[in-house]
Structure formats: structure tokens, C-alpha cells
Amino acid sequence: MQSGFRSPYATNRDERELDEFWHSRFQEKRKAQPKLITDFAAKKKYRPFVERLLTIRVEGAMYIPVSDRVWRKVIMDWLEMNCLEENWTVSVEEMVELLGKSGVELDSQQLKFAAYPVKSFLEIYAKAARTDLRLKGNLSVME
């Protein structure tokens, strides 16, 4: 775990390792701050991109009991606000929880099946962002 960072306050090896660990974590956090996706993509390209994704067919969308535009807009708003320039990972489970917090009521049966269309939509979003918006970073979907 040698990062080259030397803390003037660490008195033994354990403290130095702990300081180096947290120093490297803060360096990573400082480097990868979320930004608006429009900081990386032209606004004139972003509007048609959003409209296309709100209307594109997603497998299993019937398992979410609201309009496709509603739940997709919730996810896209979150993605727009939390875009990273480098590679970034989005959790399907986190997105399903986000839908619940935003007012989309899912019973236990729907909750079980909601992950499938959300994952499918995130994969479509990732592919479209690379091709349409030409984003450098890569969005990976984690279950």
C-alpha cells in the first residue's frame, strides 16, 4: 500500500498504513466528482437522446406499474445528475430503491421483477450514451 504519502503525525507502521489508505481514498474521491451529463455532451444532442430513451421499447417494462416515461425519467434524472467522466458503475438495486423513494409504488411481487426492466434500460442507456453522446466514460451495470 505504498503510495508515497508520508504523514507527519503517524508514529508507527499501523498509523502510517491507515493514513496512506485514507489519503488514497480521498485522492480517488477528489478525482471522480459527479457532474451533470450536459457538461460532457452537447445539449442539442442530449435532448433527442432523452426523448428517444423515454420512448424506446424495454423488455419487462410491464412489471413497473406506472407509465414508462415516469420511471425512466426518474432514472435518467439521477443518471444526469451523477455522471462521471471516467468509468462508473450503477447498481440496479439502487435504481429500484430510487423508484420506490420517488413515489413509484411497487408491491413485493413487482419489486422482485422490477430489476429486470431497470437493468435492461440501464444497458440501453449505456450503449446509447457511448454511441449518441460519445461519452468517454463507460457505464457498467451492477446487479
C-alpha atoms as a PDB file:
ATOM      1  CA  MET A   1       0.000   0.000   0.000  1.00  0.00           C
ATOM      2  CA  GLN A   2       2.942   2.332  -0.602  1.00  0.00           C
ATOM      3  CA  SER A   3       1.571   5.489  -2.192  1.00  0.00           C
ATOM      4  CA  GLY A   4       4.495   7.729  -1.369  1.00  0.00           C
ATOM      5  CA  PHE A   5       2.411   9.754   1.065  1.00  0.00           C
ATOM      6  CA  ARG A   6       4.164  10.381   4.391  1.00  0.00           C
ATOM      7  CA  SER A   7       2.085  11.654   7.262  1.00  0.00           C
ATOM      8  CA  PRO A   8       3.986  13.847   9.720  1.00  0.00           C
ATOM      9  CA  TYR A   9       1.651  12.688  12.511  1.00  0.00           C
ATOM     10  CA  ALA A  10       1.919   8.896  12.154  1.00  0.00           C
ATOM     11  CA  THR A  11       4.128   7.424  14.870  1.00  0.00           C
ATOM     12  CA  ASN A  12       4.085   3.728  13.975  1.00  0.00           C
ATOM     13  CA  ARG A  13       3.583   1.469  10.978  1.00  0.00           C
ATOM     14  CA  ASP A  14      -0.169   0.885  11.564  1.00  0.00           C
ATOM     15  CA  GLU A  15      -0.859   4.609  11.702  1.00  0.00           C
ATOM     16  CA  ARG A  16       1.191   5.197   8.534  1.00  0.00           C
ATOM     17  CA  GLU A  17      -0.750   2.471   6.702  1.00  0.00           C
ATOM     18  CA  LEU A  18      -4.045   3.918   7.884  1.00  0.00           C
ATOM     19  CA  ASP A  19      -3.003   7.423   6.819  1.00  0.00           C
ATOM     20  CA  GLU A  20      -1.900   6.147   3.412  1.00  0.00           C
ATOM     21  CA  PHE A  21      -5.185   4.275   2.988  1.00  0.00           C
ATOM     22  CA  TRP A  22      -7.317   7.344   3.703  1.00  0.00           C
ATOM     23  CA  HIS A  23      -5.045   9.602   1.683  1.00  0.00           C
ATOM     24  CA  SER A  24      -5.512   7.376  -1.375  1.00  0.00           C
ATOM     25  CA  ARG A  25      -9.293   7.205  -0.819  1.00  0.00           C
ATOM     26  CA  PHE A  26      -9.580  10.995  -0.658  1.00  0.00           C
ATOM     27  CA  GLN A  27      -7.436  11.317  -3.788  1.00  0.00           C
ATOM     28  CA  GLU A  28      -9.839   8.983  -5.628  1.00  0.00           C
ATOM     29  CA  LYS A  29     -12.884  10.902  -4.395  1.00  0.00           C
ATOM     30  CA  ARG A  30     -11.392  14.231  -5.388  1.00  0.00           C
ATOM     31  CA  LYS A  31     -10.639  12.924  -8.865  1.00  0.00           C
ATOM     32  CA  ALA A  32     -14.120  11.484  -9.567  1.00  0.00           C
ATOM     33  CA  GLN A  33     -16.745  14.047  -8.614  1.00  0.00           C
ATOM     34  CA  PRO A  34     -20.184  13.608 -10.236  1.00  0.00           C
ATOM     35  CA  LYS A  35     -21.143  16.269 -12.762  1.00  0.00           C
ATOM     36  CA  LEU A  36     -24.087  16.996 -14.997  1.00  0.00           C
ATOM     37  CA  ILE A  37     -24.081  14.875 -18.118  1.00  0.00           C
ATOM     38  CA  THR A  38     -24.562  18.044 -20.161  1.00  0.00           C
ATOM     39  CA  ASP A  39     -21.053  19.072 -19.068  1.00  0.00           C
ATOM     40  CA  PHE A  40     -19.750  16.222 -21.250  1.00  0.00           C
ATOM     41  CA  ALA A  41     -22.351  16.154 -24.038  1.00  0.00           C
ATOM     42  CA  ALA A  42     -23.780  18.888 -26.242  1.00  0.00           C
ATOM     43  CA  LYS A  43     -27.265  19.987 -25.187  1.00  0.00           C
ATOM     44  CA  LYS A  44     -28.525  19.810 -28.768  1.00  0.00           C
ATOM     45  CA  LYS A  45     -27.596  16.108 -28.830  1.00  0.00           C
ATOM     46  CA  TYR A  46     -28.831  15.428 -25.311  1.00  0.00           C
ATOM     47  CA  ARG A  47     -32.487  16.428 -25.833  1.00  0.00           C
ATOM     48  CA  PRO A  48     -33.144  13.960 -28.704  1.00  0.00           C
ATOM     49  CA  PHE A  49     -31.191  11.332 -26.755  1.00  0.00           C
ATOM     50  CA  VAL A  50     -33.537  11.736 -23.763  1.00  0.00           C
ATOM     51  CA  GLU A  51     -36.656  11.699 -25.912  1.00  0.00           C
ATOM     52  CA  ARG A  52     -35.523   8.549 -27.713  1.00  0.00           C
ATOM     53  CA  LEU A  53     -34.785   6.722 -24.456  1.00  0.00           C
ATOM     54  CA  LEU A  54     -38.138   7.706 -22.978  1.00  0.00           C
ATOM     55  CA  THR A  55     -39.928   6.022 -25.877  1.00  0.00           C
ATOM     56  CA  ILE A  56     -37.683   3.061 -26.718  1.00  0.00           C
ATOM     57  CA  ARG A  57     -39.039  -0.445 -26.045  1.00  0.00           C
ATOM     58  CA  VAL A  58     -37.676  -2.100 -22.887  1.00  0.00           C
ATOM     59  CA  GLU A  59     -38.182  -5.778 -22.104  1.00  0.00           C
ATOM     60  CA  GLY A  60     -40.281  -6.342 -18.963  1.00  0.00           C
ATOM     61  CA  ALA A  61     -41.493  -2.737 -18.618  1.00  0.00           C
ATOM     62  CA  MET A  62     -44.967  -4.057 -17.772  1.00  0.00           C
ATOM     63  CA  TYR A  63     -43.686  -5.118 -14.326  1.00  0.00           C
ATOM     64  CA  ILE A  64     -43.440  -1.482 -13.237  1.00  0.00           C
ATOM     65  CA  PRO A  65     -46.995  -0.223 -12.632  1.00  0.00           C
ATOM     66  CA  VAL A  66     -46.558   3.362 -13.883  1.00  0.00           C
ATOM     67  CA  SER A  67     -46.086   4.922 -17.280  1.00  0.00           C
ATOM     68  CA  ASP A  68     -42.777   4.074 -18.940  1.00  0.00           C
ATOM     69  CA  ARG A  69     -41.962   7.776 -19.217  1.00  0.00           C
ATOM     70  CA  VAL A  70     -42.358   8.255 -15.450  1.00  0.00           C
ATOM     71  CA  TRP A  71     -39.968   5.588 -14.197  1.00  0.00           C
ATOM     72  CA  ARG A  72     -37.466   6.131 -16.979  1.00  0.00           C
ATOM     73  CA  LYS A  73     -37.414   9.872 -16.295  1.00  0.00           C
ATOM     74  CA  VAL A  74     -36.663   9.200 -12.601  1.00  0.00           C
ATOM     75  CA  ILE A  75     -33.681   7.019 -13.513  1.00  0.00           C
ATOM     76  CA  MET A  76     -32.463   9.369 -16.247  1.00  0.00           C
ATOM     77  CA  ASP A  77     -32.644  12.382 -13.926  1.00  0.00           C
ATOM     78  CA  TRP A  78     -30.475  10.539 -11.411  1.00  0.00           C
ATOM     79  CA  LEU A  79     -28.013   9.486 -14.122  1.00  0.00           C
ATOM     80  CA  GLU A  80     -27.901  13.035 -15.484  1.00  0.00           C
ATOM     81  CA  MET A  81     -27.022  14.455 -12.067  1.00  0.00           C
ATOM     82  CA  ASN A  82     -24.450  11.777 -11.178  1.00  0.00           C
ATOM     83  CA  CYS A  83     -22.457  11.331 -14.362  1.00  0.00           C
ATOM     84  CA  LEU A  84     -18.740  10.625 -14.019  1.00  0.00           C
ATOM     85  CA  GLU A  85     -16.205  11.436 -16.692  1.00  0.00           C
ATOM     86  CA  GLU A  86     -14.359   8.184 -16.066  1.00  0.00           C
ATOM     87  CA  ASN A  87     -15.886   4.723 -15.914  1.00  0.00           C
ATOM     88  CA  TRP A  88     -18.760   4.470 -13.455  1.00  0.00           C
ATOM     89  CA  THR A  89     -20.961   1.744 -12.043  1.00  0.00           C
ATOM     90  CA  VAL A  90     -24.685   1.919 -11.332  1.00  0.00           C
ATOM     91  CA  SER A  91     -26.493  -0.604  -9.160  1.00  0.00           C
ATOM     92  CA  VAL A  92     -29.822  -1.978 -10.383  1.00  0.00           C
ATOM     93  CA  GLU A  93     -30.917  -2.446  -6.769  1.00  0.00           C
ATOM     94  CA  GLU A  94     -30.137   1.205  -6.023  1.00  0.00           C
ATOM     95  CA  MET A  95     -32.225   2.318  -9.008  1.00  0.00           C
ATOM     96  CA  VAL A  96     -35.183   0.177  -7.887  1.00  0.00           C
ATOM     97  CA  GLU A  97     -34.908   1.779  -4.423  1.00  0.00           C
ATOM     98  CA  LEU A  98     -34.796   5.194  -6.102  1.00  0.00           C
ATOM     99  CA  LEU A  99     -38.049   4.395  -7.899  1.00  0.00           C
ATOM    100  CA  GLY A 100     -39.659   3.500  -4.564  1.00  0.00           C
ATOM    101  CA  LYS A 101     -38.447   6.726  -2.951  1.00  0.00           C
ATOM    102  CA  SER A 102     -39.724   8.795  -5.860  1.00  0.00           C
ATOM    103  CA  GLY A 103     -43.293   7.591  -5.418  1.00  0.00           C
ATOM    104  CA  VAL A 104     -43.488   4.559  -7.712  1.00  0.00           C
ATOM    105  CA  GLU A 105     -45.387   2.063  -5.577  1.00  0.00           C
ATOM    106  CA  LEU A 106     -44.120  -1.479  -6.015  1.00  0.00           C
ATOM    107  CA  ASP A 107     -45.609  -4.387  -4.080  1.00  0.00           C
ATOM    108  CA  SER A 108     -43.398  -7.344  -3.166  1.00  0.00           C
ATOM    109  CA  GLN A 109     -44.160  -9.210  -6.403  1.00  0.00           C
ATOM    110  CA  GLN A 110     -43.462  -6.177  -8.594  1.00  0.00           C
ATOM    111  CA  LEU A 111     -40.358  -5.357  -6.573  1.00  0.00           C
ATOM    112  CA  LYS A 112     -38.960  -8.778  -7.394  1.00  0.00           C
ATOM    113  CA  PHE A 113     -39.495  -8.327 -11.142  1.00  0.00           C
ATOM    114  CA  ALA A 114     -38.719  -4.588 -11.407  1.00  0.00           C
ATOM    115  CA  ALA A 115     -34.981  -5.235 -11.515  1.00  0.00           C
ATOM    116  CA  TYR A 116     -35.233  -6.837 -14.951  1.00  0.00           C
ATOM    117  CA  PRO A 117     -36.601  -3.821 -16.888  1.00  0.00           C
ATOM    118  CA  VAL A 118     -34.391  -1.433 -14.895  1.00  0.00           C
ATOM    119  CA  LYS A 119     -31.283  -3.449 -15.800  1.00  0.00           C
ATOM    120  CA  SER A 120     -32.382  -3.631 -19.417  1.00  0.00           C
ATOM    121  CA  PHE A 121     -32.966   0.131 -19.522  1.00  0.00           C
ATOM    122  CA  LEU A 122     -29.575   0.887 -17.941  1.00  0.00           C
ATOM    123  CA  GLU A 123     -27.842  -1.293 -20.530  1.00  0.00           C
ATOM    124  CA  ILE A 124     -29.695   0.507 -23.340  1.00  0.00           C
ATOM    125  CA  TYR A 125     -28.759   3.847 -21.763  1.00  0.00           C
ATOM    126  CA  ALA A 126     -25.082   2.864 -21.541  1.00  0.00           C
ATOM    127  CA  LYS A 127     -24.927   1.772 -25.168  1.00  0.00           C
ATOM    128  CA  ALA A 128     -26.802   4.855 -26.399  1.00  0.00           C
ATOM    129  CA  ALA A 129     -24.639   7.216 -24.328  1.00  0.00           C
ATOM    130  CA  ARG A 130     -21.492   5.803 -25.923  1.00  0.00           C
ATOM    131  CA  THR A 131     -22.816   5.980 -29.483  1.00  0.00           C
ATOM    132  CA  ASP A 132     -25.117   9.036 -29.481  1.00  0.00           C
ATOM    133  CA  LEU A 133     -23.440  11.310 -26.944  1.00  0.00           C
ATOM    134  CA  ARG A 134     -19.914   9.970 -27.460  1.00  0.00           C
ATOM    135  CA  LEU A 135     -19.190   9.915 -23.742  1.00  0.00           C
ATOM    136  CA  LYS A 136     -15.644   8.867 -22.888  1.00  0.00           C
ATOM    137  CA  GLY A 137     -16.572   7.095 -19.672  1.00  0.00           C
ATOM    138  CA  ASN A 138     -18.193   3.702 -19.655  1.00  0.00           C
ATOM    139  CA  LEU A 139     -21.318   2.986 -17.600  1.00  0.00           C
ATOM    140  CA  SER A 140     -21.367  -0.530 -16.201  1.00  0.00           C
ATOM    141  CA  VAL A 141     -24.478  -2.065 -14.671  1.00  0.00           C
ATOM    142  CA  MET A 142     -24.182  -3.960 -11.396  1.00  0.00           C
ATOM    143  CA  GLU A 143     -26.989  -6.183 -10.133  1.00  0.00           C
END
